[in-house]
Amino acid sequence: MPNAAQAAIPLSFPLAGHNGGTGAPSAGPSARSTTVIGGGAVLARSTAASFAVLGTSLPPLLFIAGAFAAGFLAFCAARLARGQSLREMLAVPLPVLCLMVLGFLGHNGLYVTALRYAPAAEVNLISYLWPLLMVAFLGLTGVARPTRWQLLGSLLGFAGLAWFVSPQLLSPGAAGDGLVGYLLALCAATCFAVYSALRAKLRDGPPDAAGTACGVATVIALALHLAFGGDATVEFEPAALLAMLLIGVGPMGLANLMWDHGVRFGDGRVLSSLAYLTPVLSTLLLAALGLAVLTPHVLIGGGLILGGIALSALAARSST
């Protein structure tokens, strides 16, 4: 699979680095250390699902508005700490900025809303169907033609989705909020897959263009919250407020910078492999914190989805 967009989206990763598409480590004495830094971004992003669950007491649009704001401030602080001006970060071509903002709002808004309707483990795993969907969209946009093994990986992944939703569809009267949550999670995955496929063709913009997109998304999310009757004076529970700030500063902010640094100067082959650990680690963390229950039903469906992702990734590597 070709390299995805440079700007990573919260709760997910691009599939490879930016060193010419080869994935080879860039020349320089610190390639190993920068690979470690990029790998740290995988750990940071694995906390995003738990933070999102802890923030479910807040309205979805208000939660992501606050998270985007924290992410934007984290990007700004990082640039100023490096002695760089904010002007370059803000110089994002309008088509790219619109695409990124729609991707940010669509993916994160749908994901956070899905957690209000369905169990966290299932929502988290379904949302990681995006690499398999991206295979199809890359083929449709003419960027890359999927191999038969990638198509098989996609079938495995969607078999996992079917496994998750089958109790809702087959049991009379069972379809309800759970099914709504699963569909919202699938829409979140679709949104990010479309974004990534289009961003693979629209590569313009500064390295931390995601910071500017976070800033614009903050304003839009807050405006939508108020437009749909949201209260401007919501009472923030301490745990939800902390989760909102941490998901913005960590997975949305610093993790993006760590990942970008790692894929530019480290070993992209190692990092793109580590990125596939994100859904595994995030689901295990949900269970460890008591935010999700790993039942046999979850393990089977999750195994099918993760197996499909792994098969698609291995097929992409063998074809390069």
C-alpha atoms as a PDB file:
ATOM      1  CA  MET A   1       0.000   0.000   0.000  1.00  0.00           C
ATOM      2  CA  PRO A   2       1.402   3.441  -0.883  1.00  0.00           C
ATOM      3  CA  ASN A   3       2.216   6.018   1.746  1.00  0.00           C
ATOM      4  CA  ALA A   4      -0.744   7.761   3.294  1.00  0.00           C
ATOM      5  CA  ALA A   5      -1.025  11.425   4.104  1.00  0.00           C
ATOM      6  CA  GLN A   6       1.629  13.124   6.136  1.00  0.00           C
ATOM      7  CA  ALA A   7      -0.776  14.608   8.660  1.00  0.00           C
ATOM      8  CA  ALA A   8      -1.969  11.929  11.037  1.00  0.00           C
ATOM      9  CA  ILE A   9      -5.537  11.977  12.294  1.00  0.00           C
ATOM     10  CA  PRO A  10      -6.421  11.461  16.003  1.00  0.00           C
ATOM     11  CA  LEU A  11      -7.259   7.895  17.007  1.00  0.00           C
ATOM     12  CA  SER A  12      -5.372   6.486  13.844  1.00  0.00           C
ATOM     13  CA  PHE A  13      -2.155   6.457  11.873  1.00  0.00           C
ATOM     14  CA  PRO A  14      -0.835   6.925   8.374  1.00  0.00           C
ATOM     15  CA  LEU A  15       0.509   3.659   7.008  1.00  0.00           C
ATOM     16  CA  ALA A  16       4.064   4.673   6.174  1.00  0.00           C
ATOM     17  CA  GLY A  17       6.628   7.384   6.278  1.00  0.00           C
ATOM     18  CA  HIS A  18       7.696  10.198   3.976  1.00  0.00           C
ATOM     19  CA  ASN A  19      11.198   9.181   3.036  1.00  0.00           C
ATOM     20  CA  GLY A  20      10.547   8.789  -0.638  1.00  0.00           C
ATOM     21  CA  GLY A  21       8.044   5.992  -0.122  1.00  0.00           C
ATOM     22  CA  THR A  22      10.762   3.401   0.399  1.00  0.00           C
ATOM     23  CA  GLY A  23      10.434   3.134   4.155  1.00  0.00           C
ATOM     24  CA  ALA A  24      14.213   3.032   4.506  1.00  0.00           C
ATOM     25  CA  PRO A  25      15.762   4.996   7.353  1.00  0.00           C
ATOM     26  CA  SER A  26      17.016   8.424   6.466  1.00  0.00           C
ATOM     27  CA  ALA A  27      20.721   9.060   6.493  1.00  0.00           C
ATOM     28  CA  GLY A  28      22.019  10.387   9.786  1.00  0.00           C
ATOM     29  CA  PRO A  29      23.497   9.228  13.068  1.00  0.00           C
ATOM     30  CA  SER A  30      20.232   9.376  15.000  1.00  0.00           C
ATOM     31  CA  ALA A  31      18.029   7.097  12.855  1.00  0.00           C
ATOM     32  CA  ARG A  32      17.574   4.599  15.685  1.00  0.00           C
ATOM     33  CA  SER A  33      16.660   7.214  18.273  1.00  0.00           C
ATOM     34  CA  THR A  34      14.196   8.904  15.935  1.00  0.00           C
ATOM     35  CA  THR A  35      12.588   5.527  15.234  1.00  0.00           C
ATOM     36  CA  VAL A  36      12.142   5.107  18.987  1.00  0.00           C
ATOM     37  CA  ILE A  37      10.547   8.567  19.145  1.00  0.00           C
ATOM     38  CA  GLY A  38       8.144   7.619  16.356  1.00  0.00           C
ATOM     39  CA  GLY A  39       7.353   4.376  18.155  1.00  0.00           C
ATOM     40  CA  GLY A  40       6.467   6.391  21.245  1.00  0.00           C
ATOM     41  CA  ALA A  41       3.701   7.972  19.193  1.00  0.00           C
ATOM     42  CA  VAL A  42       2.096   4.519  18.868  1.00  0.00           C
ATOM     43  CA  LEU A  43       1.927   4.264  22.657  1.00  0.00           C
ATOM     44  CA  ALA A  44       0.520   7.794  22.930  1.00  0.00           C
ATOM     45  CA  ARG A  45      -2.174   7.097  20.354  1.00  0.00           C
ATOM     46  CA  SER A  46      -3.147   3.875  22.094  1.00  0.00           C
ATOM     47  CA  THR A  47      -4.517   5.990  24.952  1.00  0.00           C
ATOM     48  CA  ALA A  48      -6.946   7.892  22.730  1.00  0.00           C
ATOM     49  CA  ALA A  49      -9.797   5.392  22.973  1.00  0.00           C
ATOM     50  CA  SER A  50      -9.634   5.333  26.780  1.00  0.00           C
ATOM     51  CA  PHE A  51      -9.629   9.123  26.985  1.00  0.00           C
ATOM     52  CA  ALA A  52     -12.602   9.257  24.602  1.00  0.00           C
ATOM     53  CA  VAL A  53     -14.576   6.819  26.790  1.00  0.00           C
ATOM     54  CA  LEU A  54     -13.742   8.777  29.944  1.00  0.00           C
ATOM     55  CA  GLY A  55     -15.145  11.891  28.263  1.00  0.00           C
ATOM     56  CA  THR A  56     -18.541  10.424  27.359  1.00  0.00           C
ATOM     57  CA  SER A  57     -20.272  12.510  30.035  1.00  0.00           C
ATOM     58  CA  LEU A  58     -19.674  15.559  27.824  1.00  0.00           C
ATOM     59  CA  PRO A  59     -21.619  16.316  24.624  1.00  0.00           C
ATOM     60  CA  PRO A  60     -19.661  14.806  21.680  1.00  0.00           C
ATOM     61  CA  LEU A  61     -19.152  18.046  19.733  1.00  0.00           C
ATOM     62  CA  LEU A  62     -18.101  19.952  22.839  1.00  0.00           C
ATOM     63  CA  PHE A  63     -15.655  17.191  23.774  1.00  0.00           C
ATOM     64  CA  ILE A  64     -13.926  17.156  20.397  1.00  0.00           C
ATOM     65  CA  ALA A  65     -13.938  20.986  20.251  1.00  0.00           C
ATOM     66  CA  GLY A  66     -12.036  21.102  23.541  1.00  0.00           C
ATOM     67  CA  ALA A  67      -9.708  18.307  22.416  1.00  0.00           C
ATOM     68  CA  PHE A  68      -8.996  20.044  19.107  1.00  0.00           C
ATOM     69  CA  ALA A  69      -8.278  23.279  20.995  1.00  0.00           C
ATOM     70  CA  ALA A  70      -5.791  21.498  23.266  1.00  0.00           C
ATOM     71  CA  GLY A  71      -4.192  19.878  20.223  1.00  0.00           C
ATOM     72  CA  PHE A  72      -3.882  23.208  18.429  1.00  0.00           C
ATOM     73  CA  LEU A  73      -2.231  24.787  21.470  1.00  0.00           C
ATOM     74  CA  ALA A  74       0.150  21.810  21.734  1.00  0.00           C
ATOM     75  CA  PHE A  75       1.225  22.290  18.111  1.00  0.00           C
ATOM     76  CA  CYS A  76       1.730  26.023  18.663  1.00  0.00           C
ATOM     77  CA  ALA A  77       3.742  25.449  21.846  1.00  0.00           C
ATOM     78  CA  ALA A  78       5.958  22.885  20.114  1.00  0.00           C
ATOM     79  CA  ARG A  79       6.750  25.267  17.250  1.00  0.00           C
ATOM     80  CA  LEU A  80       7.525  28.155  19.587  1.00  0.00           C
ATOM     81  CA  ALA A  81       9.716  25.887  21.738  1.00  0.00           C
ATOM     82  CA  ARG A  82      11.747  25.054  18.600  1.00  0.00           C
ATOM     83  CA  GLY A  83      12.109  28.751  17.805  1.00  0.00           C
ATOM     84  CA  GLN A  84       9.822  28.536  14.766  1.00  0.00           C
ATOM     85  CA  SER A  85       7.132  31.014  13.857  1.00  0.00           C
ATOM     86  CA  LEU A  86       3.486  30.035  13.553  1.00  0.00           C
ATOM     87  CA  ARG A  87       3.200  31.548  10.086  1.00  0.00           C
ATOM     88  CA  GLU A  88       4.491  28.441   8.264  1.00  0.00           C
ATOM     89  CA  MET A  89       2.121  26.141  10.153  1.00  0.00           C
ATOM     90  CA  LEU A  90      -0.819  28.340   9.197  1.00  0.00           C
ATOM     91  CA  ALA A  91       0.143  28.411   5.497  1.00  0.00           C
ATOM     92  CA  VAL A  92      -1.961  25.430   4.460  1.00  0.00           C
ATOM     93  CA  PRO A  93      -3.478  25.405   0.933  1.00  0.00           C
ATOM     94  CA  LEU A  94      -7.250  25.803   1.156  1.00  0.00           C
ATOM     95  CA  PRO A  95      -8.177  22.482  -0.558  1.00  0.00           C
ATOM     96  CA  VAL A  96      -5.844  20.585   1.789  1.00  0.00           C
ATOM     97  CA  LEU A  97      -7.144  22.439   4.844  1.00  0.00           C
ATOM     98  CA  CYS A  98     -10.777  21.723   3.913  1.00  0.00           C
ATOM     99  CA  LEU A  99      -9.982  18.048   3.395  1.00  0.00           C
ATOM    100  CA  MET A 100      -8.154  17.794   6.728  1.00  0.00           C
ATOM    101  CA  VAL A 101     -10.849  19.606   8.693  1.00  0.00           C
ATOM    102  CA  LEU A 102     -13.589  17.421   7.222  1.00  0.00           C
ATOM    103  CA  GLY A 103     -11.500  14.348   7.964  1.00  0.00           C
ATOM    104  CA  PHE A 104     -10.832  15.460  11.538  1.00  0.00           C
ATOM    105  CA  LEU A 105     -14.432  16.370  12.295  1.00  0.00           C
ATOM    106  CA  GLY A 106     -15.979  13.439  10.484  1.00  0.00           C
ATOM    107  CA  HIS A 107     -13.775  10.752  11.927  1.00  0.00           C
ATOM    108  CA  ASN A 108     -13.549  12.001  15.488  1.00  0.00           C
ATOM    109  CA  GLY A 109     -17.104  13.281  15.743  1.00  0.00           C
ATOM    110  CA  LEU A 110     -18.569   9.983  14.554  1.00  0.00           C
ATOM    111  CA  TYR A 111     -16.188   7.929  16.694  1.00  0.00           C
ATOM    112  CA  VAL A 112     -16.901   9.820  19.913  1.00  0.00           C
ATOM    113  CA  THR A 113     -20.651   9.701  19.217  1.00  0.00           C
ATOM    114  CA  ALA A 114     -20.499   5.938  18.541  1.00  0.00           C
ATOM    115  CA  LEU A 115     -19.139   5.405  22.050  1.00  0.00           C
ATOM    116  CA  ARG A 116     -22.443   6.734  23.414  1.00  0.00           C
ATOM    117  CA  TYR A 117     -24.357   3.888  21.756  1.00  0.00           C
ATOM    118  CA  ALA A 118     -22.185   0.764  21.648  1.00  0.00           C
ATOM    119  CA  PRO A 119     -19.541  -1.009  23.770  1.00  0.00           C
ATOM    120  CA  ALA A 120     -16.124   0.636  23.622  1.00  0.00           C
ATOM    121  CA  ALA A 121     -14.113  -2.423  22.523  1.00  0.00           C
ATOM    122  CA  GLU A 122     -16.323  -3.115  19.499  1.00  0.00           C
ATOM    123  CA  VAL A 123     -16.468   0.556  18.487  1.00  0.00           C
ATOM    124  CA  ASN A 124     -12.693   0.852  18.779  1.00  0.00           C
ATOM    125  CA  LEU A 125     -12.008  -2.226  16.644  1.00  0.00           C
ATOM    126  CA  ILE A 126     -14.592  -1.360  13.975  1.00  0.00           C
ATOM    127  CA  SER A 127     -13.108   2.137  13.652  1.00  0.00           C
ATOM    128  CA  TYR A 128      -9.795   0.497  12.709  1.00  0.00           C
ATOM    129  CA  LEU A 129     -11.302  -0.953   9.548  1.00  0.00           C
ATOM    130  CA  TRP A 130     -10.033   2.206   7.847  1.00  0.00           C
ATOM    131  CA  PRO A 131      -6.816   0.646   6.395  1.00  0.00           C
ATOM    132  CA  LEU A 132      -8.930  -1.989   4.641  1.00  0.00           C
ATOM    133  CA  LEU A 133     -11.370   0.602   3.336  1.00  0.00           C
ATOM    134  CA  MET A 134      -8.419   2.696   2.220  1.00  0.00           C
ATOM    135  CA  VAL A 135      -7.249  -0.178  -0.013  1.00  0.00           C
ATOM    136  CA  ALA A 136     -10.518   0.091  -1.927  1.00  0.00           C
ATOM    137  CA  PHE A 137     -10.479   3.883  -2.121  1.00  0.00           C
ATOM    138  CA  LEU A 138      -6.843   3.961  -3.311  1.00  0.00           C
ATOM    139  CA  GLY A 139      -7.887   1.641  -6.105  1.00  0.00           C
ATOM    140  CA  LEU A 140     -10.886   3.777  -6.996  1.00  0.00           C
ATOM    141  CA  THR A 141      -8.779   6.955  -7.095  1.00  0.00           C
ATOM    142  CA  GLY A 142      -6.131   5.305  -9.276  1.00  0.00           C
ATOM    143  CA  VAL A 143      -3.326   5.586  -6.721  1.00  0.00           C
ATOM    144  CA  ALA A 144      -2.815   1.837  -6.339  1.00  0.00           C
ATOM    145  CA  ARG A 145      -4.494  -1.376  -7.455  1.00  0.00           C
ATOM    146  CA  PRO A 146      -5.242  -3.756  -4.559  1.00  0.00           C
ATOM    147  CA  THR A 147      -3.784  -7.261  -4.718  1.00  0.00           C
ATOM    148  CA  ARG A 148      -5.820 -10.413  -4.166  1.00  0.00           C
ATOM    149  CA  TRP A 149      -4.309 -10.763  -0.689  1.00  0.00           C
ATOM    150  CA  GLN A 150      -5.330  -7.226   0.206  1.00  0.00           C
ATOM    151  CA  LEU A 151      -8.840  -7.998  -0.985  1.00  0.00           C
ATOM    152  CA  LEU A 152      -8.811 -11.149   1.159  1.00  0.00           C
ATOM    153  CA  GLY A 153      -7.685  -9.040   4.110  1.00  0.00           C
ATOM    154  CA  SER A 154     -10.613  -6.719   3.504  1.00  0.00           C
ATOM    155  CA  LEU A 155     -13.012  -9.665   3.455  1.00  0.00           C
ATOM    156  CA  LEU A 156     -11.606 -10.887   6.783  1.00  0.00           C
ATOM    157  CA  GLY A 157     -12.011  -7.428   8.298  1.00  0.00           C
ATOM    158  CA  PHE A 158     -15.596  -7.102   7.183  1.00  0.00           C
ATOM    159  CA  ALA A 159     -16.308 -10.613   8.408  1.00  0.00           C
ATOM    160  CA  GLY A 160     -15.297  -9.251  11.811  1.00  0.00           C
ATOM    161  CA  LEU A 161     -17.742  -6.382  11.387  1.00  0.00           C
ATOM    162  CA  ALA A 162     -20.501  -8.827  10.400  1.00  0.00           C
ATOM    163  CA  TRP A 163     -19.680 -10.896  13.486  1.00  0.00           C
ATOM    164  CA  PHE A 164     -20.116  -7.859  15.712  1.00  0.00           C
ATOM    165  CA  VAL A 165     -23.445  -6.735  14.260  1.00  0.00           C
ATOM    166  CA  SER A 166     -24.970 -10.196  13.724  1.00  0.00           C
ATOM    167  CA  PRO A 167     -26.551 -10.427  17.225  1.00  0.00           C
ATOM    168  CA  GLN A 168     -28.200  -7.061  16.635  1.00  0.00           C
ATOM    169  CA  LEU A 169     -29.568  -8.128  13.246  1.00  0.00           C
ATOM    170  CA  LEU A 170     -30.542 -11.727  13.979  1.00  0.00           C
ATOM    171  CA  SER A 171     -32.180 -11.334  17.386  1.00  0.00           C
ATOM    172  CA  PRO A 172     -35.756 -10.012  17.234  1.00  0.00           C
ATOM    173  CA  GLY A 173     -35.993  -6.699  19.016  1.00  0.00           C
ATOM    174  CA  ALA A 174     -32.235  -6.573  19.689  1.00  0.00           C
ATOM    175  CA  ALA A 175     -31.391  -3.995  17.030  1.00  0.00           C
ATOM    176  CA  GLY A 176     -31.176  -0.596  18.638  1.00  0.00           C
ATOM    177  CA  ASP A 177     -28.543   1.652  20.132  1.00  0.00           C
ATOM    178  CA  GLY A 178     -25.800  -0.973  19.729  1.00  0.00           C
ATOM    179  CA  LEU A 179     -26.368  -1.224  15.985  1.00  0.00           C
ATOM    180  CA  VAL A 180     -26.425   2.572  15.706  1.00  0.00           C
ATOM    181  CA  GLY A 181     -23.063   2.706  17.474  1.00  0.00           C
ATOM    182  CA  TYR A 182     -21.542   0.089  15.161  1.00  0.00           C
ATOM    183  CA  LEU A 183     -22.759   1.944  12.067  1.00  0.00           C
ATOM    184  CA  LEU A 184     -21.378   5.220  13.386  1.00  0.00           C
ATOM    185  CA  ALA A 185     -18.010   3.530  14.013  1.00  0.00           C
ATOM    186  CA  LEU A 186     -18.040   2.178  10.449  1.00  0.00           C
ATOM    187  CA  CYS A 187     -18.831   5.659   9.132  1.00  0.00           C
ATOM    188  CA  ALA A 188     -15.906   7.017  11.181  1.00  0.00           C
ATOM    189  CA  ALA A 189     -13.591   4.453   9.584  1.00  0.00           C
ATOM    190  CA  THR A 190     -14.964   5.287   6.130  1.00  0.00           C
ATOM    191  CA  CYS A 191     -14.423   8.994   6.712  1.00  0.00           C
ATOM    192  CA  PHE A 192     -10.761   8.515   7.608  1.00  0.00           C
ATOM    193  CA  ALA A 193     -10.187   6.062   4.753  1.00  0.00           C
ATOM    194  CA  VAL A 194     -11.551   8.569   2.216  1.00  0.00           C
ATOM    195  CA  TYR A 195      -9.469  11.334   3.794  1.00  0.00           C
ATOM    196  CA  SER A 196      -6.297   9.237   3.651  1.00  0.00           C
ATOM    197  CA  ALA A 197      -6.848   8.160   0.046  1.00  0.00           C
ATOM    198  CA  LEU A 198      -7.418  11.753  -1.080  1.00  0.00           C
ATOM    199  CA  ARG A 199      -4.549  13.072   1.053  1.00  0.00           C
ATOM    200  CA  ALA A 200      -2.249  10.586  -0.680  1.00  0.00           C
ATOM    201  CA  LYS A 201      -2.879  12.633  -3.827  1.00  0.00           C
ATOM    202  CA  LEU A 202      -2.989  16.090  -2.157  1.00  0.00           C
ATOM    203  CA  ARG A 203       0.348  16.182  -0.331  1.00  0.00           C
ATOM    204  CA  ASP A 204       0.829  19.951  -0.119  1.00  0.00           C
ATOM    205  CA  GLY A 205       1.156  21.815   3.152  1.00  0.00           C
ATOM    206  CA  PRO A 206       3.654  22.213   6.013  1.00  0.00           C
ATOM    207  CA  PRO A 207       4.674  19.210   8.170  1.00  0.00           C
ATOM    208  CA  ASP A 208       2.424  20.282  11.049  1.00  0.00           C
ATOM    209  CA  ALA A 209      -0.578  21.287   8.959  1.00  0.00           C
ATOM    210  CA  ALA A 210      -2.603  19.133  11.333  1.00  0.00           C
ATOM    211  CA  GLY A 211      -2.160  21.888  13.934  1.00  0.00           C
ATOM    212  CA  THR A 212      -3.933  24.423  11.746  1.00  0.00           C
ATOM    213  CA  ALA A 213      -6.658  21.890  10.949  1.00  0.00           C
ATOM    214  CA  CYS A 214      -7.143  21.342  14.689  1.00  0.00           C
ATOM    215  CA  GLY A 215      -7.597  25.087  15.183  1.00  0.00           C
ATOM    216  CA  VAL A 216     -10.211  25.402  12.439  1.00  0.00           C
ATOM    217  CA  ALA A 217     -11.964  22.226  13.586  1.00  0.00           C
ATOM    218  CA  THR A 218     -12.209  23.687  17.103  1.00  0.00           C
ATOM    219  CA  VAL A 219     -14.227  26.654  15.888  1.00  0.00           C
ATOM    220  CA  ILE A 220     -16.504  24.559  13.669  1.00  0.00           C
ATOM    221  CA  ALA A 221     -17.149  21.887  16.310  1.00  0.00           C
ATOM    222  CA  LEU A 222     -17.996  24.517  18.918  1.00  0.00           C
ATOM    223  CA  ALA A 223     -20.296  26.342  16.485  1.00  0.00           C
ATOM    224  CA  LEU A 224     -22.083  23.064  15.648  1.00  0.00           C
ATOM    225  CA  HIS A 225     -22.445  22.271  19.355  1.00  0.00           C
ATOM    226  CA  LEU A 226     -24.181  25.606  19.947  1.00  0.00           C
ATOM    227  CA  ALA A 227     -26.198  25.437  16.706  1.00  0.00           C
ATOM    228  CA  PHE A 228     -27.716  22.082  17.694  1.00  0.00           C
ATOM    229  CA  GLY A 229     -28.876  23.432  21.012  1.00  0.00           C
ATOM    230  CA  GLY A 230     -25.836  22.624  23.097  1.00  0.00           C
ATOM    231  CA  ASP A 231     -25.447  24.438  26.394  1.00  0.00           C
ATOM    232  CA  ALA A 232     -22.672  27.019  26.467  1.00  0.00           C
ATOM    233  CA  THR A 233     -22.277  26.536  30.237  1.00  0.00           C
ATOM    234  CA  VAL A 234     -21.827  22.771  30.579  1.00  0.00           C
ATOM    235  CA  GLU A 235     -20.674  21.527  33.957  1.00  0.00           C
ATOM    236  CA  PHE A 236     -17.385  19.702  33.421  1.00  0.00           C
ATOM    237  CA  GLU A 237     -16.656  16.672  35.555  1.00  0.00           C
ATOM    238  CA  PRO A 238     -12.950  16.640  36.517  1.00  0.00           C
ATOM    239  CA  ALA A 239     -12.299  13.228  34.894  1.00  0.00           C
ATOM    240  CA  ALA A 240     -14.008  14.216  31.630  1.00  0.00           C
ATOM    241  CA  LEU A 241     -12.216  17.568  31.503  1.00  0.00           C
ATOM    242  CA  LEU A 242      -8.848  15.899  32.097  1.00  0.00           C
ATOM    243  CA  ALA A 243      -9.593  13.294  29.409  1.00  0.00           C
ATOM    244  CA  MET A 244     -10.519  16.040  26.928  1.00  0.00           C
ATOM    245  CA  LEU A 245      -7.281  17.924  27.545  1.00  0.00           C
ATOM    246  CA  LEU A 246      -5.074  14.835  27.522  1.00  0.00           C
ATOM    247  CA  ILE A 247      -6.465  13.445  24.271  1.00  0.00           C
ATOM    248  CA  GLY A 248      -5.843  16.830  22.663  1.00  0.00           C
ATOM    249  CA  VAL A 249      -2.312  17.335  23.965  1.00  0.00           C
ATOM    250  CA  GLY A 250      -1.259  13.675  23.601  1.00  0.00           C
ATOM    251  CA  PRO A 251      -2.813  11.713  20.703  1.00  0.00           C
ATOM    252  CA  MET A 252      -3.865  14.835  18.787  1.00  0.00           C
ATOM    253  CA  GLY A 253      -0.825  16.990  19.486  1.00  0.00           C
ATOM    254  CA  LEU A 254       2.502  15.602  20.642  1.00  0.00           C
ATOM    255  CA  ALA A 255       1.935  12.162  19.100  1.00  0.00           C
ATOM    256  CA  ASN A 256       1.553  13.775  15.678  1.00  0.00           C
ATOM    257  CA  LEU A 257       4.865  15.570  16.108  1.00  0.00           C
ATOM    258  CA  MET A 258       6.635  12.435  17.369  1.00  0.00           C
ATOM    259  CA  TRP A 259       5.265  10.393  14.483  1.00  0.00           C
ATOM    260  CA  ASP A 260       6.202  12.978  11.880  1.00  0.00           C
ATOM    261  CA  HIS A 261       9.757  13.188  13.275  1.00  0.00           C
ATOM    262  CA  GLY A 262      10.053   9.405  13.335  1.00  0.00           C
ATOM    263  CA  VAL A 263       8.861   8.741   9.786  1.00  0.00           C
ATOM    264  CA  ARG A 264      11.013  11.498   8.316  1.00  0.00           C
ATOM    265  CA  PHE A 265      14.293  10.552   9.984  1.00  0.00           C
ATOM    266  CA  GLY A 266      13.797   7.011  11.318  1.00  0.00           C
ATOM    267  CA  ASP A 267      12.994   3.606   9.818  1.00  0.00           C
ATOM    268  CA  GLY A 268       9.593   3.875   8.163  1.00  0.00           C
ATOM    269  CA  ARG A 269       9.366   0.089   7.721  1.00  0.00           C
ATOM    270  CA  VAL A 270       9.603  -0.471  11.459  1.00  0.00           C
ATOM    271  CA  LEU A 271       7.241   2.364  12.298  1.00  0.00           C
ATOM    272  CA  SER A 272       4.536   1.392   9.819  1.00  0.00           C
ATOM    273  CA  SER A 273       4.603  -2.118  11.310  1.00  0.00           C
ATOM    274  CA  LEU A 274       4.383  -0.760  14.860  1.00  0.00           C
ATOM    275  CA  ALA A 275       1.405   1.380  13.834  1.00  0.00           C
ATOM    276  CA  TYR A 276      -0.705  -1.750  13.444  1.00  0.00           C
ATOM    277  CA  LEU A 277      -0.282  -2.413  17.156  1.00  0.00           C
ATOM    278  CA  THR A 278      -2.421   0.643  17.922  1.00  0.00           C
ATOM    279  CA  PRO A 279      -5.844  -1.091  17.872  1.00  0.00           C
ATOM    280  CA  VAL A 280      -4.441  -4.008  19.887  1.00  0.00           C
ATOM    281  CA  LEU A 281      -2.846  -1.822  22.555  1.00  0.00           C
ATOM    282  CA  SER A 282      -5.807   0.548  22.744  1.00  0.00           C
ATOM    283  CA  THR A 283      -8.275  -2.311  23.191  1.00  0.00           C
ATOM    284  CA  LEU A 284      -6.102  -3.954  25.862  1.00  0.00           C
ATOM    285  CA  LEU A 285      -5.837  -0.626  27.685  1.00  0.00           C
ATOM    286  CA  LEU A 286      -9.623  -0.233  27.622  1.00  0.00           C
ATOM    287  CA  ALA A 287      -9.931  -3.656  29.230  1.00  0.00           C
ATOM    288  CA  ALA A 288      -7.181  -2.973  31.784  1.00  0.00           C
ATOM    289  CA  LEU A 289      -8.939   0.212  32.904  1.00  0.00           C
ATOM    290  CA  GLY A 290     -12.284  -1.548  33.175  1.00  0.00           C
ATOM    291  CA  LEU A 291     -13.733   0.455  30.288  1.00  0.00           C
ATOM    292  CA  ALA A 292     -14.356  -2.591  28.089  1.00  0.00           C
ATOM    293  CA  VAL A 293     -14.903  -6.319  28.546  1.00  0.00           C
ATOM    294  CA  LEU A 294     -13.005  -8.740  26.300  1.00  0.00           C
ATOM    295  CA  THR A 295     -15.664 -11.410  25.859  1.00  0.00           C
ATOM    296  CA  PRO A 296     -15.158 -14.334  23.433  1.00  0.00           C
ATOM    297  CA  HIS A 297     -17.472 -12.485  21.021  1.00  0.00           C
ATOM    298  CA  VAL A 298     -15.173  -9.436  21.091  1.00  0.00           C
ATOM    299  CA  LEU A 299     -12.016 -11.539  20.751  1.00  0.00           C
ATOM    300  CA  ILE A 300     -13.319 -13.412  17.693  1.00  0.00           C
ATOM    301  CA  GLY A 301     -14.544 -10.278  15.910  1.00  0.00           C
ATOM    302  CA  GLY A 302     -11.420  -8.355  16.855  1.00  0.00           C
ATOM    303  CA  GLY A 303      -9.228 -11.230  15.685  1.00  0.00           C
ATOM    304  CA  LEU A 304     -10.900 -11.197  12.264  1.00  0.00           C
ATOM    305  CA  ILE A 305     -10.470  -7.417  11.897  1.00  0.00           C
ATOM    306  CA  LEU A 306      -6.860  -7.387  13.098  1.00  0.00           C
ATOM    307  CA  GLY A 307      -6.050 -10.441  10.974  1.00  0.00           C
ATOM    308  CA  GLY A 308      -7.425  -8.689   7.925  1.00  0.00           C
ATOM    309  CA  ILE A 309      -5.369  -5.578   8.656  1.00  0.00           C
ATOM    310  CA  ALA A 310      -2.205  -7.655   9.150  1.00  0.00           C
ATOM    311  CA  LEU A 311      -2.783  -9.643   5.944  1.00  0.00           C
ATOM    312  CA  SER A 312      -3.346  -6.455   3.952  1.00  0.00           C
ATOM    313  CA  ALA A 313      -0.198  -4.899   5.418  1.00  0.00           C
ATOM    314  CA  LEU A 314       1.962  -7.959   4.663  1.00  0.00           C
ATOM    315  CA  ALA A 315       0.593  -8.071   1.111  1.00  0.00           C
ATOM    316  CA  ALA A 316       1.495  -4.410   0.637  1.00  0.00           C
ATOM    317  CA  ARG A 317       5.056  -5.044   1.832  1.00  0.00           C
ATOM    318  CA  SER A 318       5.598  -8.070  -0.379  1.00  0.00           C
ATOM    319  CA  SER A 319       4.528  -6.075  -3.442  1.00  0.00           C
ATOM    320  CA  THR A 320       7.040  -3.203  -2.836  1.00  0.00           C
END
